Amino acid sequence: MDRKIKLIWDFKGPNGAQTAAHHEKHLKEYIAMQKLTLKVTGCQDLTDLHSIAFMVTPEKEMLQLRDALKPHRAEVWTAPATE
């Protein structure tokens, strides 16, 4: 089974949550424009002043997406039990 990688963009400050939500919209637009099969995106508040936007990609596609989208960091993704 191919590992999945979570590409992460960090947004800090009082407007971080709104910026992360807006960035997720752009990630979804990019996925649609490029006709990618990716389906997992999201945003999450880590603290009151730190939020993230993310997308999950198969490891074999990670380098291409990393170079095109310039995420701040990445980690191996483990799917929640409901997926």
N, C-alpha and C. Protein backbone atom coordinates (compact mmCIF):
# COMPACT_ATOMS: atom_id res chain seq x y z
N MET A 1 0.84 -1.18 0.00
CA MET A 1 0.00 0.00 0.00
C MET A 1 0.88 1.25 0.00
N ASP A 2 0.53 2.22 -0.79
CA ASP A 2 1.28 3.47 -0.93
C ASP A 2 1.04 4.37 0.28
N ARG A 3 2.12 4.87 0.87
CA ARG A 3 1.96 5.81 1.99
C ARG A 3 1.35 7.10 1.50
N LYS A 4 0.65 7.76 2.39
CA LYS A 4 0.06 9.07 2.09
C LYS A 4 0.84 10.12 2.86
N ILE A 5 1.02 11.28 2.23
CA ILE A 5 1.74 12.38 2.83
C ILE A 5 0.80 13.57 2.97
N LYS A 6 0.81 14.17 4.14
CA LYS A 6 0.00 15.35 4.42
C LYS A 6 0.88 16.58 4.23
N LEU A 7 0.58 17.36 3.19
CA LEU A 7 1.30 18.62 2.94
C LEU A 7 0.60 19.70 3.75
N ILE A 8 1.37 20.51 4.48
CA ILE A 8 0.81 21.43 5.46
C ILE A 8 1.30 22.86 5.21
N TRP A 9 0.35 23.79 5.30
CA TRP A 9 0.64 25.22 5.25
C TRP A 9 0.22 25.81 6.59
N ASP A 10 1.13 26.52 7.25
CA ASP A 10 0.88 27.12 8.56
C ASP A 10 0.46 28.58 8.40
N PHE A 11 -0.53 28.99 9.19
CA PHE A 11 -0.98 30.38 9.22
C PHE A 11 -1.11 30.80 10.67
N LYS A 12 -0.42 31.88 11.02
CA LYS A 12 -0.37 32.31 12.41
C LYS A 12 -0.92 33.72 12.54
N GLY A 13 -1.37 34.02 13.74
CA GLY A 13 -1.90 35.34 14.04
C GLY A 13 -3.41 35.30 14.21
N PRO A 14 -3.98 36.46 14.52
CA PRO A 14 -5.42 36.51 14.80
C PRO A 14 -6.29 36.16 13.60
N ASN A 15 -5.77 36.27 12.39
CA ASN A 15 -6.54 35.94 11.18
C ASN A 15 -6.13 34.59 10.59
N GLY A 16 -5.34 33.82 11.33
CA GLY A 16 -4.83 32.55 10.82
C GLY A 16 -5.92 31.56 10.41
N ALA A 17 -6.99 31.47 11.19
CA ALA A 17 -8.07 30.52 10.88
C ALA A 17 -8.76 30.88 9.56
N GLN A 18 -9.04 32.17 9.37
CA GLN A 18 -9.68 32.59 8.12
C GLN A 18 -8.75 32.40 6.92
N THR A 19 -7.48 32.66 7.12
CA THR A 19 -6.51 32.49 6.04
C THR A 19 -6.36 31.02 5.67
N ALA A 20 -6.33 30.15 6.67
CA ALA A 20 -6.23 28.71 6.41
C ALA A 20 -7.45 28.21 5.64
N ALA A 21 -8.65 28.64 6.04
CA ALA A 21 -9.87 28.24 5.34
C ALA A 21 -9.85 28.74 3.90
N HIS A 22 -9.38 29.95 3.69
CA HIS A 22 -9.29 30.50 2.33
C HIS A 22 -8.26 29.72 1.51
N HIS A 23 -7.15 29.37 2.13
CA HIS A 23 -6.11 28.61 1.41
C HIS A 23 -6.63 27.23 1.01
N GLU A 24 -7.44 26.61 1.86
CA GLU A 24 -8.01 25.31 1.50
C GLU A 24 -8.86 25.42 0.24
N LYS A 25 -9.59 26.53 0.08
CA LYS A 25 -10.38 26.73 -1.15
C LYS A 25 -9.46 26.72 -2.37
N HIS A 26 -8.31 27.38 -2.25
CA HIS A 26 -7.36 27.40 -3.37
C HIS A 26 -6.78 26.01 -3.64
N LEU A 27 -6.55 25.24 -2.59
CA LEU A 27 -6.07 23.87 -2.79
C LEU A 27 -7.10 23.05 -3.56
N LYS A 28 -8.37 23.19 -3.21
CA LYS A 28 -9.44 22.47 -3.91
C LYS A 28 -9.54 22.91 -5.37
N GLU A 29 -9.36 24.20 -5.62
CA GLU A 29 -9.37 24.71 -7.00
C GLU A 29 -8.21 24.11 -7.79
N TYR A 30 -7.04 24.06 -7.18
CA TYR A 30 -5.86 23.48 -7.84
C TYR A 30 -6.11 22.02 -8.18
N ILE A 31 -6.66 21.27 -7.23
CA ILE A 31 -6.96 19.85 -7.47
C ILE A 31 -7.91 19.70 -8.65
N ALA A 32 -8.93 20.54 -8.71
CA ALA A 32 -9.90 20.47 -9.82
C ALA A 32 -9.24 20.86 -11.15
N MET A 33 -8.45 21.93 -11.14
CA MET A 33 -7.80 22.38 -12.38
C MET A 33 -6.84 21.35 -12.94
N GLN A 34 -6.11 20.70 -12.05
CA GLN A 34 -5.12 19.72 -12.47
C GLN A 34 -5.71 18.32 -12.66
N LYS A 35 -7.02 18.19 -12.37
CA LYS A 35 -7.72 16.91 -12.49
C LYS A 35 -7.03 15.81 -11.68
N LEU A 36 -6.66 16.17 -10.45
CA LEU A 36 -6.01 15.21 -9.56
C LEU A 36 -7.07 14.34 -8.89
N THR A 37 -6.69 13.17 -8.48
CA THR A 37 -7.64 12.26 -7.82
C THR A 37 -7.65 12.46 -6.31
N LEU A 38 -6.91 13.44 -5.83
CA LEU A 38 -6.87 13.71 -4.40
C LEU A 38 -8.24 14.11 -3.89
N LYS A 39 -8.58 13.65 -2.71
CA LYS A 39 -9.88 13.99 -2.17
C LYS A 39 -9.80 14.55 -0.75
N VAL A 40 -8.66 14.43 -0.09
CA VAL A 40 -8.57 14.85 1.30
C VAL A 40 -7.86 16.20 1.39
N THR A 41 -8.61 17.20 1.82
CA THR A 41 -8.07 18.52 2.16
C THR A 41 -8.73 18.93 3.47
N GLY A 42 -8.22 19.97 4.06
CA GLY A 42 -8.86 20.45 5.27
C GLY A 42 -8.13 21.62 5.86
N CYS A 43 -8.73 22.14 6.92
CA CYS A 43 -8.07 23.16 7.73
C CYS A 43 -8.36 22.83 9.18
N GLN A 44 -7.47 23.25 10.04
CA GLN A 44 -7.56 22.88 11.45
C GLN A 44 -6.94 23.99 12.29
N ASP A 45 -7.60 24.32 13.40
CA ASP A 45 -7.05 25.28 14.34
C ASP A 45 -6.23 24.52 15.38
N LEU A 46 -4.94 24.80 15.44
CA LEU A 46 -4.08 24.16 16.42
C LEU A 46 -4.11 24.91 17.75
N THR A 47 -4.14 26.24 17.68
CA THR A 47 -4.32 27.10 18.84
C THR A 47 -5.14 28.30 18.37
N ASP A 48 -5.37 29.26 19.27
CA ASP A 48 -6.10 30.47 18.88
C ASP A 48 -5.34 31.28 17.84
N LEU A 49 -4.04 31.11 17.80
CA LEU A 49 -3.22 31.91 16.90
C LEU A 49 -2.43 31.09 15.89
N HIS A 50 -2.78 29.83 15.72
CA HIS A 50 -2.06 28.97 14.76
C HIS A 50 -3.05 28.00 14.12
N SER A 51 -3.22 28.14 12.81
CA SER A 51 -4.10 27.26 12.06
C SER A 51 -3.33 26.70 10.87
N ILE A 52 -3.83 25.59 10.34
CA ILE A 52 -3.19 24.99 9.17
C ILE A 52 -4.22 24.69 8.10
N ALA A 53 -3.76 24.68 6.87
CA ALA A 53 -4.50 24.12 5.74
C ALA A 53 -3.66 22.94 5.27
N PHE A 54 -4.32 21.89 4.76
CA PHE A 54 -3.56 20.72 4.35
C PHE A 54 -4.23 19.99 3.19
N MET A 55 -3.42 19.19 2.53
CA MET A 55 -3.93 18.25 1.52
C MET A 55 -3.13 16.96 1.66
N VAL A 56 -3.77 15.84 1.35
CA VAL A 56 -3.13 14.54 1.48
C VAL A 56 -2.92 13.97 0.08
N THR A 57 -1.71 13.48 -0.18
CA THR A 57 -1.34 12.98 -1.49
C THR A 57 -0.60 11.65 -1.37
N PRO A 58 -0.71 10.80 -2.37
CA PRO A 58 0.13 9.60 -2.36
C PRO A 58 1.60 10.02 -2.39
N GLU A 59 2.45 9.26 -1.73
CA GLU A 59 3.86 9.61 -1.63
C GLU A 59 4.51 9.77 -3.01
N LYS A 60 4.10 8.96 -3.98
CA LYS A 60 4.72 9.03 -5.32
C LYS A 60 4.43 10.35 -6.03
N GLU A 61 3.38 11.09 -5.62
CA GLU A 61 3.04 12.38 -6.23
C GLU A 61 3.50 13.56 -5.39
N MET A 62 4.05 13.29 -4.22
CA MET A 62 4.38 14.34 -3.27
C MET A 62 5.42 15.33 -3.80
N LEU A 63 6.47 14.85 -4.42
CA LEU A 63 7.53 15.75 -4.89
C LEU A 63 7.02 16.75 -5.90
N GLN A 64 6.21 16.30 -6.83
CA GLN A 64 5.65 17.20 -7.86
C GLN A 64 4.77 18.27 -7.20
N LEU A 65 3.91 17.86 -6.27
CA LEU A 65 3.04 18.82 -5.59
C LEU A 65 3.84 19.74 -4.68
N ARG A 66 4.84 19.21 -4.02
CA ARG A 66 5.68 20.04 -3.15
C ARG A 66 6.34 21.16 -3.95
N ASP A 67 6.88 20.80 -5.11
CA ASP A 67 7.57 21.80 -5.93
C ASP A 67 6.60 22.83 -6.50
N ALA A 68 5.39 22.42 -6.82
CA ALA A 68 4.41 23.33 -7.40
C ALA A 68 3.74 24.22 -6.35
N LEU A 69 3.46 23.67 -5.17
CA LEU A 69 2.63 24.38 -4.19
C LEU A 69 3.39 24.92 -2.98
N LYS A 70 4.62 24.52 -2.78
CA LYS A 70 5.49 25.05 -1.72
C LYS A 70 4.86 24.99 -0.31
N PRO A 71 4.51 23.80 0.16
CA PRO A 71 4.01 23.71 1.54
C PRO A 71 5.11 24.06 2.53
N HIS A 72 4.71 24.42 3.73
CA HIS A 72 5.69 24.76 4.77
C HIS A 72 6.33 23.52 5.37
N ARG A 73 5.58 22.42 5.41
CA ARG A 73 6.09 21.18 5.98
C ARG A 73 5.21 20.03 5.53
N ALA A 74 5.59 18.82 5.92
CA ALA A 74 4.82 17.62 5.56
C ALA A 74 5.02 16.56 6.63
N GLU A 75 4.09 15.62 6.66
CA GLU A 75 4.21 14.49 7.59
C GLU A 75 3.49 13.30 6.98
N VAL A 76 3.84 12.12 7.46
CA VAL A 76 3.14 10.92 7.02
C VAL A 76 1.73 10.98 7.60
N TRP A 77 0.75 10.68 6.77
CA TRP A 77 -0.65 10.78 7.17
C TRP A 77 -1.21 9.42 7.52
N THR A 78 -1.90 9.37 8.62
CA THR A 78 -2.62 8.17 9.01
C THR A 78 -4.10 8.50 8.95
N ALA A 79 -4.84 7.76 8.14
CA ALA A 79 -6.26 8.03 7.95
C ALA A 79 -7.03 7.84 9.24
N PRO A 80 -7.99 8.73 9.51
CA PRO A 80 -8.87 8.51 10.66
C PRO A 80 -9.62 7.19 10.51
N ALA A 81 -10.05 6.64 11.60
CA ALA A 81 -10.73 5.33 11.61
C ALA A 81 -11.98 5.31 10.75
N THR A 82 -12.60 6.46 10.49
CA THR A 82 -13.84 6.50 9.72
C THR A 82 -13.62 6.40 8.22
N GLU A 83 -12.37 6.50 7.76
CA GLU A 83 -12.13 6.47 6.30
C GLU A 83 -11.63 5.12 5.86
